[in-house]
Amino acid sequence: MAQEAIAPPGAAAPPLEKRIDAMFTGDRIWAASVVIALWIVVFFVMFAIRGLIPDPTIEVVCWIGAGLLLLFNTASIIAMVRHYAQDKAHIYGVDIKHLDAGR
């Protein structure tokens, strides 16, 4: 959650649109970080186990599986961020109302 999304106690809250944009920006950064970490981990694992795979055919199958894993997970996170961008007023507006009510 972005720092700008929550006003300190006793201070006036920034306009709702600014708070929504701050929360959405934070979520986009986290989503991109998760995708980058996923790619790094998958490539690290694939290179780490290459020497343990006895058959080249099995290695090809593992690379294809890793590629599909990266493709579908990356596509799903991109789709999620696009959906959040389209409906961010509703998604983050509810979150902000609950955050404000909790104070």
PDB file of N, CA and C in Angstrom:
ATOM      1  N   MET A   1       0.850  -1.162   0.000  1.00  0.00           N
ATOM      2  CA  MET A   1       0.000   0.000   0.000  1.00  0.00           C
ATOM      3  C   MET A   1       0.900   1.231   0.000  1.00  0.00           C
ATOM      4  N   ALA A   2       0.581   2.200  -0.805  1.00  0.00           N
ATOM      5  CA  ALA A   2       1.391   3.403  -0.916  1.00  0.00           C
ATOM      6  C   ALA A   2       1.225   4.272   0.323  1.00  0.00           C
ATOM      7  N   GLN A   3       2.262   5.017   0.645  1.00  0.00           N
ATOM      8  CA  GLN A   3       2.237   5.884   1.817  1.00  0.00           C
ATOM      9  C   GLN A   3       1.190   6.981   1.677  1.00  0.00           C
ATOM     10  N   GLU A   4       0.968   7.442   0.456  1.00  0.00           N
ATOM     11  CA  GLU A   4       0.032   8.542   0.239  1.00  0.00           C
ATOM     12  C   GLU A   4      -1.421   8.096   0.394  1.00  0.00           C
ATOM     13  N   ALA A   5      -1.665   6.795   0.414  1.00  0.00           N
ATOM     14  CA  ALA A   5      -3.032   6.300   0.432  1.00  0.00           C
ATOM     15  C   ALA A   5      -3.717   6.520   1.776  1.00  0.00           C
ATOM     16  N   ILE A   6      -2.940   6.611   2.857  1.00  0.00           N
ATOM     17  CA  ILE A   6      -3.514   6.776   4.190  1.00  0.00           C
ATOM     18  C   ILE A   6      -2.976   8.063   4.800  1.00  0.00           C
ATOM     19  N   ALA A   7      -3.872   8.910   5.206  1.00  0.00           N
ATOM     20  CA  ALA A   7      -3.453  10.148   5.850  1.00  0.00           C
ATOM     21  C   ALA A   7      -3.139   9.876   7.310  1.00  0.00           C
ATOM     22  N   PRO A   8      -2.169  10.602   7.885  1.00  0.00           N
ATOM     23  CA  PRO A   8      -1.877  10.409   9.309  1.00  0.00           C
ATOM     24  C   PRO A   8      -3.080  10.819  10.151  1.00  0.00           C
ATOM     25  N   PRO A   9      -3.223  10.245  11.354  1.00  0.00           N
ATOM     26  CA  PRO A   9      -4.356  10.594  12.202  1.00  0.00           C
ATOM     27  C   PRO A   9      -4.426  12.096  12.459  1.00  0.00           C
ATOM     28  N   GLY A  10      -5.602  12.639  12.336  1.00  0.00           N
ATOM     29  CA  GLY A  10      -5.811  14.061  12.589  1.00  0.00           C
ATOM     30  C   GLY A  10      -5.586  14.943  11.371  1.00  0.00           C
ATOM     31  N   ALA A  11      -4.960  14.430  10.327  1.00  0.00           N
ATOM     32  CA  ALA A  11      -4.700  15.222   9.118  1.00  0.00           C
ATOM     33  C   ALA A  11      -5.849  15.016   8.138  1.00  0.00           C
ATOM     34  N   ALA A  12      -6.028  16.004   7.279  1.00  0.00           N
ATOM     35  CA  ALA A  12      -7.060  15.884   6.256  1.00  0.00           C
ATOM     36  C   ALA A  12      -6.597  14.874   5.214  1.00  0.00           C
ATOM     37  N   ALA A  13      -7.496  14.003   4.805  1.00  0.00           N
ATOM     38  CA  ALA A  13      -7.162  12.995   3.806  1.00  0.00           C
ATOM     39  C   ALA A  13      -7.022  13.650   2.435  1.00  0.00           C
ATOM     40  N   PRO A  14      -6.066  13.182   1.628  1.00  0.00           N
ATOM     41  CA  PRO A  14      -5.962  13.698   0.261  1.00  0.00           C
ATOM     42  C   PRO A  14      -7.233  13.343  -0.513  1.00  0.00           C
ATOM     43  N   PRO A  15      -7.457  14.006  -1.625  1.00  0.00           N
ATOM     44  CA  PRO A  15      -8.648  13.687  -2.420  1.00  0.00           C
ATOM     45  C   PRO A  15      -8.686  12.191  -2.769  1.00  0.00           C
ATOM     46  N   LEU A  16      -9.897  11.664  -2.869  1.00  0.00           N
ATOM     47  CA  LEU A  16     -10.087  10.238  -3.092  1.00  0.00           C
ATOM     48  C   LEU A  16      -9.363   9.763  -4.346  1.00  0.00           C
ATOM     49  N   GLU A  17      -9.432  10.524  -5.422  1.00  0.00           N
ATOM     50  CA  GLU A  17      -8.788  10.118  -6.686  1.00  0.00           C
ATOM     51  C   GLU A  17      -7.271   9.971  -6.518  1.00  0.00           C
ATOM     52  N   LYS A  18      -6.673  10.868  -5.768  1.00  0.00           N
ATOM     53  CA  LYS A  18      -5.228  10.786  -5.535  1.00  0.00           C
ATOM     54  C   LYS A  18      -4.888   9.552  -4.703  1.00  0.00           C
ATOM     55  N   ARG A  19      -5.712   9.247  -3.718  1.00  0.00           N
ATOM     56  CA  ARG A  19      -5.489   8.057  -2.883  1.00  0.00           C
ATOM     57  C   ARG A  19      -5.669   6.784  -3.703  1.00  0.00           C
ATOM     58  N   ILE A  20      -6.656   6.766  -4.579  1.00  0.00           N
ATOM     59  CA  ILE A  20      -6.887   5.613  -5.448  1.00  0.00           C
ATOM     60  C   ILE A  20      -5.694   5.413  -6.373  1.00  0.00           C
ATOM     61  N   ASP A  21      -5.212   6.495  -6.995  1.00  0.00           N
ATOM     62  CA  ASP A  21      -4.058   6.391  -7.886  1.00  0.00           C
ATOM     63  C   ASP A  21      -2.819   5.904  -7.147  1.00  0.00           C
ATOM     64  N   ALA A  22      -2.627   6.352  -5.921  1.00  0.00           N
ATOM     65  CA  ALA A  22      -1.467   5.919  -5.138  1.00  0.00           C
ATOM     66  C   ALA A  22      -1.540   4.427  -4.826  1.00  0.00           C
ATOM     67  N   MET A  23      -2.722   3.948  -4.465  1.00  0.00           N
ATOM     68  CA  MET A  23      -2.877   2.521  -4.169  1.00  0.00           C
ATOM     69  C   MET A  23      -2.698   1.685  -5.437  1.00  0.00           C
ATOM     70  N   PHE A  24      -3.232   2.153  -6.549  1.00  0.00           N
ATOM     71  CA  PHE A  24      -3.101   1.421  -7.811  1.00  0.00           C
ATOM     72  C   PHE A  24      -1.640   1.377  -8.256  1.00  0.00           C
ATOM     73  N   THR A  25      -0.933   2.479  -8.113  1.00  0.00           N
ATOM     74  CA  THR A  25       0.487   2.505  -8.472  1.00  0.00           C
ATOM     75  C   THR A  25       1.276   1.515  -7.625  1.00  0.00           C
ATOM     76  N   GLY A  26       0.985   1.470  -6.348  1.00  0.00           N
ATOM     77  CA  GLY A  26       1.655   0.508  -5.470  1.00  0.00           C
ATOM     78  C   GLY A  26       1.373  -0.930  -5.879  1.00  0.00           C
ATOM     79  N   ASP A  27       0.127  -1.206  -6.235  1.00  0.00           N
ATOM     80  CA  ASP A  27      -0.223  -2.563  -6.669  1.00  0.00           C
ATOM     81  C   ASP A  27       0.456  -2.925  -7.991  1.00  0.00           C
ATOM     82  N   ARG A  28       0.558  -1.952  -8.901  1.00  0.00           N
ATOM     83  CA  ARG A  28       1.265  -2.212 -10.174  1.00  0.00           C
ATOM     84  C   ARG A  28       2.727  -2.522  -9.927  1.00  0.00           C
ATOM     85  N   ILE A  29       3.355  -1.796  -9.005  1.00  0.00           N
ATOM     86  CA  ILE A  29       4.765  -2.048  -8.681  1.00  0.00           C
ATOM     87  C   ILE A  29       4.931  -3.439  -8.085  1.00  0.00           C
ATOM     88  N   TRP A  30       4.052  -3.815  -7.162  1.00  0.00           N
ATOM     89  CA  TRP A  30       4.118  -5.156  -6.567  1.00  0.00           C
ATOM     90  C   TRP A  30       3.901  -6.230  -7.619  1.00  0.00           C
ATOM     91  N   ALA A  31       2.953  -6.031  -8.514  1.00  0.00           N
ATOM     92  CA  ALA A  31       2.679  -7.026  -9.554  1.00  0.00           C
ATOM     93  C   ALA A  31       3.896  -7.196 -10.465  1.00  0.00           C
ATOM     94  N   ALA A  32       4.503  -6.092 -10.869  1.00  0.00           N
ATOM     95  CA  ALA A  32       5.698  -6.178 -11.718  1.00  0.00           C
ATOM     96  C   ALA A  32       6.839  -6.859 -10.974  1.00  0.00           C
ATOM     97  N   SER A  33       6.985  -6.570  -9.692  1.00  0.00           N
ATOM     98  CA  SER A  33       8.032  -7.203  -8.890  1.00  0.00           C
ATOM     99  C   SER A  33       7.833  -8.707  -8.790  1.00  0.00           C
ATOM    100  N   VAL A  34       6.596  -9.122  -8.618  1.00  0.00           N
ATOM    101  CA  VAL A  34       6.296 -10.557  -8.522  1.00  0.00           C
ATOM    102  C   VAL A  34       6.597 -11.251  -9.853  1.00  0.00           C
ATOM    103  N   VAL A  35       6.242 -10.629 -10.964  1.00  0.00           N
ATOM    104  CA  VAL A  35       6.522 -11.224 -12.274  1.00  0.00           C
ATOM    105  C   VAL A  35       8.027 -11.345 -12.498  1.00  0.00           C
ATOM    106  N   ILE A  36       8.767 -10.308 -12.173  1.00  0.00           N
ATOM    107  CA  ILE A  36      10.227 -10.345 -12.333  1.00  0.00           C
ATOM    108  C   ILE A  36      10.828 -11.431 -11.447  1.00  0.00           C
ATOM    109  N   ALA A  37      10.379 -11.514 -10.206  1.00  0.00           N
ATOM    110  CA  ALA A  37      10.881 -12.544  -9.295  1.00  0.00           C
ATOM    111  C   ALA A  37      10.550 -13.942  -9.822  1.00  0.00           C
ATOM    112  N   LEU A  38       9.356 -14.125 -10.357  1.00  0.00           N
ATOM    113  CA  LEU A  38       8.964 -15.420 -10.914  1.00  0.00           C
ATOM    114  C   LEU A  38       9.894 -15.827 -12.046  1.00  0.00           C
ATOM    115  N   TRP A  39      10.172 -14.904 -12.972  1.00  0.00           N
ATOM    116  CA  TRP A  39      11.064 -15.208 -14.090  1.00  0.00           C
ATOM    117  C   TRP A  39      12.458 -15.571 -13.589  1.00  0.00           C
ATOM    118  N   ILE A  40      12.959 -14.828 -12.631  1.00  0.00           N
ATOM    119  CA  ILE A  40      14.296 -15.106 -12.092  1.00  0.00           C
ATOM    120  C   ILE A  40      14.333 -16.489 -11.443  1.00  0.00           C
ATOM    121  N   VAL A  41      13.344 -16.786 -10.633  1.00  0.00           N
ATOM    122  CA  VAL A  41      13.314 -18.074  -9.930  1.00  0.00           C
ATOM    123  C   VAL A  41      13.196 -19.239 -10.909  1.00  0.00           C
ATOM    124  N   VAL A  42      12.328 -19.112 -11.901  1.00  0.00           N
ATOM    125  CA  VAL A  42      12.148 -20.210 -12.856  1.00  0.00           C
ATOM    126  C   VAL A  42      13.442 -20.456 -13.633  1.00  0.00           C
ATOM    127  N   PHE A  43      14.085 -19.391 -14.099  1.00  0.00           N
ATOM    128  CA  PHE A  43      15.336 -19.585 -14.832  1.00  0.00           C
ATOM    129  C   PHE A  43      16.435 -20.122 -13.919  1.00  0.00           C
ATOM    130  N   PHE A  44      16.494 -19.667 -12.687  1.00  0.00           N
ATOM    131  CA  PHE A  44      17.482 -20.193 -11.747  1.00  0.00           C
ATOM    132  C   PHE A  44      17.277 -21.692 -11.538  1.00  0.00           C
ATOM    133  N   VAL A  45      16.037 -22.093 -11.307  1.00  0.00           N
ATOM    134  CA  VAL A  45      15.751 -23.512 -11.081  1.00  0.00           C
ATOM    135  C   VAL A  45      16.086 -24.333 -12.328  1.00  0.00           C
ATOM    136  N   MET A  46      15.701 -23.834 -13.484  1.00  0.00           N
ATOM    137  CA  MET A  46      15.970 -24.598 -14.708  1.00  0.00           C
ATOM    138  C   MET A  46      17.471 -24.769 -14.941  1.00  0.00           C
ATOM    139  N   PHE A  47      18.247 -23.731 -14.726  1.00  0.00           N
ATOM    140  CA  PHE A  47      19.695 -23.864 -14.910  1.00  0.00           C
ATOM    141  C   PHE A  47      20.330 -24.695 -13.801  1.00  0.00           C
ATOM    142  N   ALA A  48      19.756 -24.644 -12.607  1.00  0.00           N
ATOM    143  CA  ALA A  48      20.301 -25.413 -11.487  1.00  0.00           C
ATOM    144  C   ALA A  48      20.077 -26.913 -11.666  1.00  0.00           C
ATOM    145  N   ILE A  49      18.974 -27.314 -12.292  1.00  0.00           N
ATOM    146  CA  ILE A  49      18.682 -28.740 -12.425  1.00  0.00           C
ATOM    147  C   ILE A  49      19.121 -29.329 -13.756  1.00  0.00           C
ATOM    148  N   ARG A  50      19.657 -28.516 -14.645  1.00  0.00           N
ATOM    149  CA  ARG A  50      20.057 -29.032 -15.963  1.00  0.00           C
ATOM    150  C   ARG A  50      20.984 -30.238 -15.850  1.00  0.00           C
ATOM    151  N   GLY A  51      21.929 -30.187 -14.954  1.00  0.00           N
ATOM    152  CA  GLY A  51      22.880 -31.285 -14.803  1.00  0.00           C
ATOM    153  C   GLY A  51      22.269 -32.538 -14.206  1.00  0.00           C
ATOM    154  N   LEU A  52      21.111 -32.414 -13.587  1.00  0.00           N
ATOM    155  CA  LEU A  52      20.462 -33.561 -12.961  1.00  0.00           C
ATOM    156  C   LEU A  52      19.501 -34.288 -13.892  1.00  0.00           C
ATOM    157  N   ILE A  53      19.212 -33.701 -15.034  1.00  0.00           N
ATOM    158  CA  ILE A  53      18.269 -34.302 -15.977  1.00  0.00           C
ATOM    159  C   ILE A  53      19.057 -35.214 -16.924  1.00  0.00           C
ATOM    160  N   PRO A  54      18.782 -36.528 -16.871  1.00  0.00           N
ATOM    161  CA  PRO A  54      19.596 -37.472 -17.638  1.00  0.00           C
ATOM    162  C   PRO A  54      19.296 -37.500 -19.144  1.00  0.00           C
ATOM    163  N   ASP A  55      18.078 -37.147 -19.535  1.00  0.00           N
ATOM    164  CA  ASP A  55      17.658 -37.286 -20.924  1.00  0.00           C
ATOM    165  C   ASP A  55      17.377 -35.910 -21.527  1.00  0.00           C
ATOM    166  N   PRO A  56      17.944 -35.602 -22.694  1.00  0.00           N
ATOM    167  CA  PRO A  56      17.673 -34.293 -23.329  1.00  0.00           C
ATOM    168  C   PRO A  56      16.198 -34.067 -23.639  1.00  0.00           C
ATOM    169  N   THR A  57      15.466 -35.117 -23.901  1.00  0.00           N
ATOM    170  CA  THR A  57      14.030 -34.972 -24.173  1.00  0.00           C
ATOM    171  C   THR A  57      13.300 -34.473 -22.924  1.00  0.00           C
ATOM    172  N   ILE A  58      13.688 -34.993 -21.776  1.00  0.00           N
ATOM    173  CA  ILE A  58      13.073 -34.544 -20.524  1.00  0.00           C
ATOM    174  C   ILE A  58      13.417 -33.082 -20.269  1.00  0.00           C
ATOM    175  N   GLU A  59      14.644 -32.704 -20.595  1.00  0.00           N
ATOM    176  CA  GLU A  59      15.032 -31.296 -20.418  1.00  0.00           C
ATOM    177  C   GLU A  59      14.189 -30.381 -21.295  1.00  0.00           C
ATOM    178  N   VAL A  60      13.953 -30.796 -22.533  1.00  0.00           N
ATOM    179  CA  VAL A  60      13.111 -29.993 -23.436  1.00  0.00           C
ATOM    180  C   VAL A  60      11.699 -29.870 -22.872  1.00  0.00           C
ATOM    181  N   VAL A  61      11.167 -30.960 -22.364  1.00  0.00           N
ATOM    182  CA  VAL A  61       9.827 -30.936 -21.773  1.00  0.00           C
ATOM    183  C   VAL A  61       9.794 -29.992 -20.565  1.00  0.00           C
ATOM    184  N   CYS A  62      10.848 -30.027 -19.748  1.00  0.00           N
ATOM    185  CA  CYS A  62      10.920 -29.125 -18.587  1.00  0.00           C
ATOM    186  C   CYS A  62      10.973 -27.666 -19.031  1.00  0.00           C
ATOM    187  N   TRP A  63      11.751 -27.359 -20.074  1.00  0.00           N
ATOM    188  CA  TRP A  63      11.822 -25.982 -20.577  1.00  0.00           C
ATOM    189  C   TRP A  63      10.476 -25.529 -21.140  1.00  0.00           C
ATOM    190  N   ILE A  64       9.799 -26.435 -21.829  1.00  0.00           N
ATOM    191  CA  ILE A  64       8.471 -26.089 -22.362  1.00  0.00           C
ATOM    192  C   ILE A  64       7.496 -25.828 -21.205  1.00  0.00           C
ATOM    193  N   GLY A  65       7.536 -26.681 -20.192  1.00  0.00           N
ATOM    194  CA  GLY A  65       6.677 -26.475 -19.022  1.00  0.00           C
ATOM    195  C   GLY A  65       6.986 -25.162 -18.313  1.00  0.00           C
ATOM    196  N   ALA A  66       8.277 -24.853 -18.169  1.00  0.00           N
ATOM    197  CA  ALA A  66       8.670 -23.592 -17.536  1.00  0.00           C
ATOM    198  C   ALA A  66       8.201 -22.406 -18.370  1.00  0.00           C
ATOM    199  N   GLY A  67       8.326 -22.528 -19.685  1.00  0.00           N
ATOM    200  CA  GLY A  67       7.860 -21.452 -20.566  1.00  0.00           C
ATOM    201  C   GLY A  67       6.366 -21.223 -20.463  1.00  0.00           C
ATOM    202  N   LEU A  68       5.604 -22.319 -20.413  1.00  0.00           N
ATOM    203  CA  LEU A  68       4.148 -22.190 -20.271  1.00  0.00           C
ATOM    204  C   LEU A  68       3.777 -21.587 -18.921  1.00  0.00           C
ATOM    205  N   LEU A  69       4.482 -22.009 -17.878  1.00  0.00           N
ATOM    206  CA  LEU A  69       4.246 -21.446 -16.554  1.00  0.00           C
ATOM    207  C   LEU A  69       4.463 -19.936 -16.565  1.00  0.00           C
ATOM    208  N   LEU A  70       5.575 -19.503 -17.158  1.00  0.00           N
ATOM    209  CA  LEU A  70       5.871 -18.071 -17.231  1.00  0.00           C
ATOM    210  C   LEU A  70       4.853 -17.336 -18.093  1.00  0.00           C
ATOM    211  N   LEU A  71       4.501 -17.924 -19.221  1.00  0.00           N
ATOM    212  CA  LEU A  71       3.546 -17.293 -20.132  1.00  0.00           C
ATOM    213  C   LEU A  71       2.194 -17.062 -19.459  1.00  0.00           C
ATOM    214  N   PHE A  72       1.638 -18.128 -18.874  1.00  0.00           N
ATOM    215  CA  PHE A  72       0.292 -18.009 -18.299  1.00  0.00           C
ATOM    216  C   PHE A  72       0.275 -17.150 -17.036  1.00  0.00           C
ATOM    217  N   ASN A  73       1.287 -17.268 -16.200  1.00  0.00           N
ATOM    218  CA  ASN A  73       1.310 -16.442 -14.990  1.00  0.00           C
ATOM    219  C   ASN A  73       1.521 -14.971 -15.321  1.00  0.00           C
ATOM    220  N   THR A  74       2.401 -14.688 -16.260  1.00  0.00           N
ATOM    221  CA  THR A  74       2.621 -13.295 -16.664  1.00  0.00           C
ATOM    222  C   THR A  74       1.352 -12.717 -17.293  1.00  0.00           C
ATOM    223  N   ALA A  75       0.722 -13.486 -18.164  1.00  0.00           N
ATOM    224  CA  ALA A  75      -0.509 -13.014 -18.809  1.00  0.00           C
ATOM    225  C   ALA A  75      -1.622 -12.779 -17.788  1.00  0.00           C
ATOM    226  N   SER A  76      -1.730 -13.646 -16.790  1.00  0.00           N
ATOM    227  CA  SER A  76      -2.794 -13.469 -15.803  1.00  0.00           C
ATOM    228  C   SER A  76      -2.557 -12.235 -14.939  1.00  0.00           C
ATOM    229  N   ILE A  77      -1.311 -11.967 -14.602  1.00  0.00           N
ATOM    230  CA  ILE A  77      -1.031 -10.775 -13.797  1.00  0.00           C
ATOM    231  C   ILE A  77      -1.254  -9.509 -14.621  1.00  0.00           C
ATOM    232  N   ILE A  78      -0.885  -9.534 -15.893  1.00  0.00           N
ATOM    233  CA  ILE A  78      -1.151  -8.379 -16.767  1.00  0.00           C
ATOM    234  C   ILE A  78      -2.661  -8.156 -16.886  1.00  0.00           C
ATOM    235  N   ALA A  79      -3.425  -9.229 -17.049  1.00  0.00           N
ATOM    236  CA  ALA A  79      -4.882  -9.104 -17.142  1.00  0.00           C
ATOM    237  C   ALA A  79      -5.465  -8.546 -15.849  1.00  0.00           C
ATOM    238  N   MET A  80      -4.920  -8.985 -14.710  1.00  0.00           N
ATOM    239  CA  MET A  80      -5.404  -8.486 -13.420  1.00  0.00           C
ATOM    240  C   MET A  80      -5.150  -6.985 -13.299  1.00  0.00           C
ATOM    241  N   VAL A  81      -3.948  -6.543 -13.667  1.00  0.00           N
ATOM    242  CA  VAL A  81      -3.623  -5.114 -13.569  1.00  0.00           C
ATOM    243  C   VAL A  81      -4.512  -4.301 -14.505  1.00  0.00           C
ATOM    244  N   ARG A  82      -4.762  -4.812 -15.698  1.00  0.00           N
ATOM    245  CA  ARG A  82      -5.656  -4.101 -16.629  1.00  0.00           C
ATOM    246  C   ARG A  82      -7.075  -3.998 -16.066  1.00  0.00           C
ATOM    247  N   HIS A  83      -7.544  -5.065 -15.461  1.00  0.00           N
ATOM    248  CA  HIS A  83      -8.884  -5.034 -14.853  1.00  0.00           C
ATOM    249  C   HIS A  83      -8.926  -4.020 -13.717  1.00  0.00           C
ATOM    250  N   TYR A  84      -7.884  -4.030 -12.886  1.00  0.00           N
ATOM    251  CA  TYR A  84      -7.830  -3.059 -11.791  1.00  0.00           C
ATOM    252  C   TYR A  84      -7.822  -1.634 -12.333  1.00  0.00           C
ATOM    253  N   ALA A  85      -7.118  -1.400 -13.442  1.00  0.00           N
ATOM    254  CA  ALA A  85      -7.067  -0.051 -14.030  1.00  0.00           C
ATOM    255  C   ALA A  85      -8.449   0.381 -14.510  1.00  0.00           C
ATOM    256  N   GLN A  86      -9.206  -0.551 -15.071  1.00  0.00           N
ATOM    257  CA  GLN A  86     -10.537  -0.222 -15.590  1.00  0.00           C
ATOM    258  C   GLN A  86     -11.542   0.046 -14.479  1.00  0.00           C
ATOM    259  N   ASP A  87     -11.389  -0.641 -13.351  1.00  0.00           N
ATOM    260  CA  ASP A  87     -12.393  -0.568 -12.287  1.00  0.00           C
ATOM    261  C   ASP A  87     -11.785  -0.085 -10.971  1.00  0.00           C
ATOM    262  N   LYS A  88     -10.693   0.709 -11.071  1.00  0.00           N
ATOM    263  CA  LYS A  88      -9.969   1.076  -9.850  1.00  0.00           C
ATOM    264  C   LYS A  88     -10.793   1.958  -8.917  1.00  0.00           C
ATOM    265  N   ALA A  89     -11.684   2.768  -9.437  1.00  0.00           N
ATOM    266  CA  ALA A  89     -12.495   3.619  -8.560  1.00  0.00           C
ATOM    267  C   ALA A  89     -13.335   2.763  -7.613  1.00  0.00           C
ATOM    268  N   HIS A  90     -13.890   1.690  -8.136  1.00  0.00           N
ATOM    269  CA  HIS A  90     -14.712   0.816  -7.288  1.00  0.00           C
ATOM    270  C   HIS A  90     -13.840  -0.029  -6.361  1.00  0.00           C
ATOM    271  N   ILE A  91     -12.821  -0.681  -6.919  1.00  0.00           N
ATOM    272  CA  ILE A  91     -11.986  -1.598  -6.134  1.00  0.00           C
ATOM    273  C   ILE A  91     -11.298  -0.862  -4.988  1.00  0.00           C
ATOM    274  N   TYR A  92     -10.602   0.216  -5.310  1.00  0.00           N
ATOM    275  CA  TYR A  92      -9.841   0.924  -4.284  1.00  0.00           C
ATOM    276  C   TYR A  92     -10.721   1.843  -3.445  1.00  0.00           C
ATOM    277  N   GLY A  93     -11.834   2.315  -4.018  1.00  0.00           N
ATOM    278  CA  GLY A  93     -12.749   3.148  -3.249  1.00  0.00           C
ATOM    279  C   GLY A  93     -13.292   2.401  -2.041  1.00  0.00           C
ATOM    280  N   VAL A  94     -13.659   1.140  -2.239  1.00  0.00           N
ATOM    281  CA  VAL A  94     -14.151   0.312  -1.134  1.00  0.00           C
ATOM    282  C   VAL A  94     -13.048   0.110  -0.097  1.00  0.00           C
ATOM    283  N   ASP A  95     -11.821  -0.187  -0.568  1.00  0.00           N
ATOM    284  CA  ASP A  95     -10.696  -0.362   0.361  1.00  0.00           C
ATOM    285  C   ASP A  95     -10.454   0.897   1.193  1.00  0.00           C
ATOM    286  N   ILE A  96     -10.472   2.037   0.550  1.00  0.00           N
ATOM    287  CA  ILE A  96     -10.210   3.300   1.247  1.00  0.00           C
ATOM    288  C   ILE A  96     -11.323   3.590   2.263  1.00  0.00           C
ATOM    289  N   LYS A  97     -12.559   3.333   1.885  1.00  0.00           N
ATOM    290  CA  LYS A  97     -13.667   3.550   2.834  1.00  0.00           C
ATOM    291  C   LYS A  97     -13.496   2.665   4.074  1.00  0.00           C
ATOM    292  N   HIS A  98     -13.078   1.420   3.862  1.00  0.00           N
ATOM    293  CA  HIS A  98     -12.863   0.530   5.010  1.00  0.00           C
ATOM    294  C   HIS A  98     -11.654   0.981   5.859  1.00  0.00           C
ATOM    295  N   LEU A  99     -10.596   1.442   5.186  1.00  0.00           N
ATOM    296  CA  LEU A  99      -9.437   1.958   5.925  1.00  0.00           C
ATOM    297  C   LEU A  99      -9.836   3.171   6.764  1.00  0.00           C
ATOM    298  N   ASP A 100     -10.616   4.078   6.158  1.00  0.00           N
ATOM    299  CA  ASP A 100     -11.049   5.272   6.885  1.00  0.00           C
ATOM    300  C   ASP A 100     -11.988   4.906   8.041  1.00  0.00           C
ATOM    301  N   ALA A 101     -12.857   3.919   7.818  1.00  0.00           N
ATOM    302  CA  ALA A 101     -13.782   3.520   8.872  1.00  0.00           C
ATOM    303  C   ALA A 101     -13.040   2.853  10.028  1.00  0.00           C
ATOM    304  N   GLY A 102     -11.915   2.221   9.729  1.00  0.00           N
ATOM    305  CA  GLY A 102     -11.140   1.560  10.775  1.00  0.00           C
ATOM    306  C   GLY A 102     -10.384   2.524  11.654  1.00  0.00           C
ATOM    307  N   ARG A 103     -10.256   3.759  11.225  1.00  0.00           N
ATOM    308  CA  ARG A 103      -9.552   4.754  12.046  1.00  0.00           C
ATOM    309  C   ARG A 103     -10.464   5.389  12.984  1.00  0.00           C
TER     310      ARG A 103
END
